[in-house]
Amino acid sequence: MPDGTGFVVPRGKAPMTACTWISSKWPEPAFGSRAVVRCYVGGVGDEDVLDAADHDIVEACERHLSAVLDLPPRPQASSVVRWMRAMPQYEVGHVERVERIRRDLPPGIFVVGSAFDGVGVPDCVRAAGETAEQVLAHLDRRTIERETAR
């Protein structure tokens, strides 16, 4: 597998929206020397792809992956799991929209989660840590304000 942990596909360019090499992201002795990949299929505007038979989805992903990765022609094993509307897909301007939402919130109100900061577990953990720091800073400011008012 190439360096990295996967790639995202521009809308309409392939049957998948992204691909992750699980064997690089979360190595497991049981994988041996095999490449274990996960393809994300469907998405906003392409929900009908999920109506296809499992073998057709796997075959379409195989065909597109073979164009960019040096993989065997057929997977040793595969499975299809359908999680309808499970992952947010951000539109252009998402970061600015989230910044505006946060800026306009009343003091002491914070928002965090995959709808705002990234869909992966690492993104959510990072954002939760940053939000916790903001909460603590807000509480410290309130404590200081109370003590100065005395």
Protein backbone atom coordinates (compact mmCIF):
# COMPACT_ATOMS: atom_id res chain seq x y z
CA MET A 1 0.00 0.00 0.00
CA PRO A 2 1.18 3.54 -0.61
CA ASP A 3 2.08 5.83 2.29
CA GLY A 4 -0.94 7.36 3.95
CA THR A 5 -4.20 5.95 5.17
CA GLY A 6 -6.58 6.46 2.27
CA PHE A 7 -8.15 8.97 -0.04
CA VAL A 8 -11.34 10.90 -0.69
CA VAL A 9 -13.04 10.79 -4.09
CA PRO A 10 -14.59 13.88 -5.69
CA ARG A 11 -18.36 13.55 -6.12
CA GLY A 12 -19.41 11.73 -9.24
CA LYS A 13 -15.94 10.39 -10.11
CA ALA A 14 -16.35 6.83 -8.77
CA PRO A 15 -18.95 4.68 -7.03
CA MET A 16 -17.19 5.36 -3.72
CA THR A 17 -16.78 8.55 -1.73
CA ALA A 18 -13.59 7.46 0.05
CA CYS A 19 -11.27 4.56 0.76
CA THR A 20 -9.29 3.82 3.91
CA TRP A 21 -6.51 1.28 4.30
CA ILE A 22 -7.51 -0.31 7.57
CA SER A 23 -4.32 -2.38 7.59
CA SER A 24 -2.25 0.84 7.76
CA LYS A 25 -4.50 2.83 10.09
CA TRP A 26 -5.07 0.07 12.61
CA PRO A 27 -2.48 -2.67 12.00
CA GLU A 28 -3.47 -6.07 13.28
CA PRO A 29 -1.30 -9.22 13.31
CA ALA A 30 -4.25 -11.17 11.88
CA PHE A 31 -3.96 -9.11 8.66
CA GLY A 32 -0.53 -10.59 7.94
CA SER A 33 0.82 -9.01 4.77
CA ARG A 34 -2.67 -8.46 3.33
CA ALA A 35 -4.05 -5.05 2.49
CA VAL A 36 -7.35 -4.51 4.26
CA VAL A 37 -9.34 -1.63 2.75
CA ARG A 38 -12.71 -0.07 3.46
CA CYS A 39 -14.59 1.71 0.71
CA TYR A 40 -17.30 4.21 1.53
CA VAL A 41 -20.07 4.10 -1.05
CA GLY A 42 -23.10 6.26 -1.69
CA GLY A 43 -23.61 9.64 -0.19
CA VAL A 44 -25.73 12.68 -0.79
CA GLY A 45 -27.10 12.46 -4.32
CA ASP A 46 -25.78 8.92 -4.84
CA GLU A 47 -28.03 7.02 -2.42
CA ASP A 48 -29.30 4.78 -5.24
CA VAL A 49 -25.87 3.08 -5.35
CA LEU A 50 -26.82 1.46 -2.05
CA ASP A 51 -29.75 -0.29 -3.73
CA ALA A 52 -27.33 -2.38 -5.83
CA ALA A 53 -26.57 -5.98 -4.94
CA ASP A 54 -23.59 -6.53 -2.64
CA HIS A 55 -21.52 -8.24 -5.34
CA ASP A 56 -22.14 -5.33 -7.75
CA ILE A 57 -20.97 -2.80 -5.16
CA VAL A 58 -17.86 -4.87 -4.39
CA GLU A 59 -17.11 -5.33 -8.10
CA ALA A 60 -17.43 -1.58 -8.81
CA CYS A 61 -15.07 -0.77 -5.93
CA GLU A 62 -12.60 -3.45 -7.11
CA ARG A 63 -12.58 -1.97 -10.61
CA HIS A 64 -11.93 1.58 -9.40
CA LEU A 65 -9.38 0.58 -6.77
CA SER A 66 -7.38 -1.43 -9.30
CA ALA A 67 -6.92 1.78 -11.31
CA VAL A 68 -5.09 3.48 -8.41
CA LEU A 69 -3.74 0.71 -6.16
CA ASP A 70 -1.65 -2.39 -6.80
CA LEU A 71 -4.10 -4.92 -5.38
CA PRO A 72 -5.01 -8.46 -6.38
CA PRO A 73 -7.79 -8.58 -8.99
CA ARG A 74 -10.28 -10.01 -6.47
CA PRO A 75 -10.49 -9.55 -2.71
CA GLN A 76 -9.89 -12.56 -0.51
CA ALA A 77 -13.00 -11.58 1.43
CA SER A 78 -15.53 -8.77 1.34
CA SER A 79 -18.66 -7.59 3.06
CA VAL A 80 -21.10 -4.77 2.51
CA VAL A 81 -22.65 -2.91 5.42
CA ARG A 82 -25.29 -0.29 4.71
CA TRP A 83 -25.40 2.61 7.17
CA MET A 84 -27.91 4.95 5.64
CA ARG A 85 -27.27 8.67 6.26
CA ALA A 86 -24.59 7.77 8.78
CA MET A 87 -21.86 10.24 7.89
CA PRO A 88 -22.15 13.97 7.36
CA GLN A 89 -20.95 15.24 4.02
CA TYR A 90 -19.86 18.83 4.27
CA GLU A 91 -20.60 21.37 1.59
CA VAL A 92 -18.21 24.07 0.39
CA GLY A 93 -18.18 26.78 3.05
CA HIS A 94 -18.73 24.35 5.93
CA VAL A 95 -15.75 25.58 7.97
CA GLU A 96 -16.88 29.19 7.68
CA ARG A 97 -20.47 28.23 8.59
CA VAL A 98 -19.29 26.41 11.73
CA GLU A 99 -17.11 29.39 12.71
CA ARG A 100 -20.14 31.69 12.33
CA ILE A 101 -22.37 29.36 14.40
CA ARG A 102 -19.81 29.23 17.19
CA ARG A 103 -19.19 32.96 17.12
CA ASP A 104 -22.94 33.67 17.42
CA LEU A 105 -23.58 31.31 20.35
CA PRO A 106 -24.25 32.87 23.75
CA PRO A 107 -21.29 32.81 26.17
CA GLY A 108 -20.97 29.44 27.87
CA ILE A 109 -22.68 27.46 25.08
CA PHE A 110 -20.39 25.20 23.04
CA VAL A 111 -21.02 22.77 20.18
CA VAL A 112 -18.83 19.87 19.13
CA GLY A 113 -19.21 16.67 17.14
CA SER A 114 -18.93 15.07 13.74
CA ALA A 115 -21.50 17.46 12.26
CA PHE A 116 -19.08 20.30 12.97
CA ASP A 117 -15.46 19.15 13.19
CA GLY A 118 -14.78 16.02 11.13
CA VAL A 119 -16.28 12.59 10.85
CA GLY A 120 -13.38 10.44 12.04
CA VAL A 121 -12.80 9.36 15.62
CA PRO A 122 -9.48 11.27 15.75
CA ASP A 123 -11.28 14.44 14.54
CA CYS A 124 -13.96 14.06 17.22
CA VAL A 125 -11.41 13.38 19.98
CA ARG A 126 -9.33 16.42 18.95
CA ALA A 127 -12.39 18.66 18.77
CA ALA A 128 -13.68 17.42 22.12
CA GLY A 129 -10.32 18.24 23.73
CA GLU A 130 -10.31 21.72 22.20
CA THR A 131 -13.89 22.31 23.35
CA ALA A 132 -13.06 21.12 26.87
CA GLU A 133 -10.23 23.69 26.96
CA GLN A 134 -12.66 26.40 25.84
CA VAL A 135 -15.13 25.39 28.56
CA LEU A 136 -12.40 25.52 31.21
CA ALA A 137 -11.21 28.91 29.95
CA HIS A 138 -14.80 30.19 30.08
CA LEU A 139 -15.24 28.91 33.65
CA ASP A 140 -11.91 30.45 34.70
CA ARG A 141 -13.01 33.82 33.25
CA ARG A 142 -16.29 33.63 35.17
CA THR A 143 -14.45 32.80 38.39
CA ILE A 144 -12.08 35.74 37.87
CA GLU A 145 -15.01 38.06 37.07
CA ARG A 146 -16.84 36.97 40.23
CA GLU A 147 -13.77 37.47 42.40
CA THR A 148 -13.05 40.90 40.90
CA ALA A 149 -16.63 42.01 41.47
CA ARG A 150 -16.28 41.37 45.22
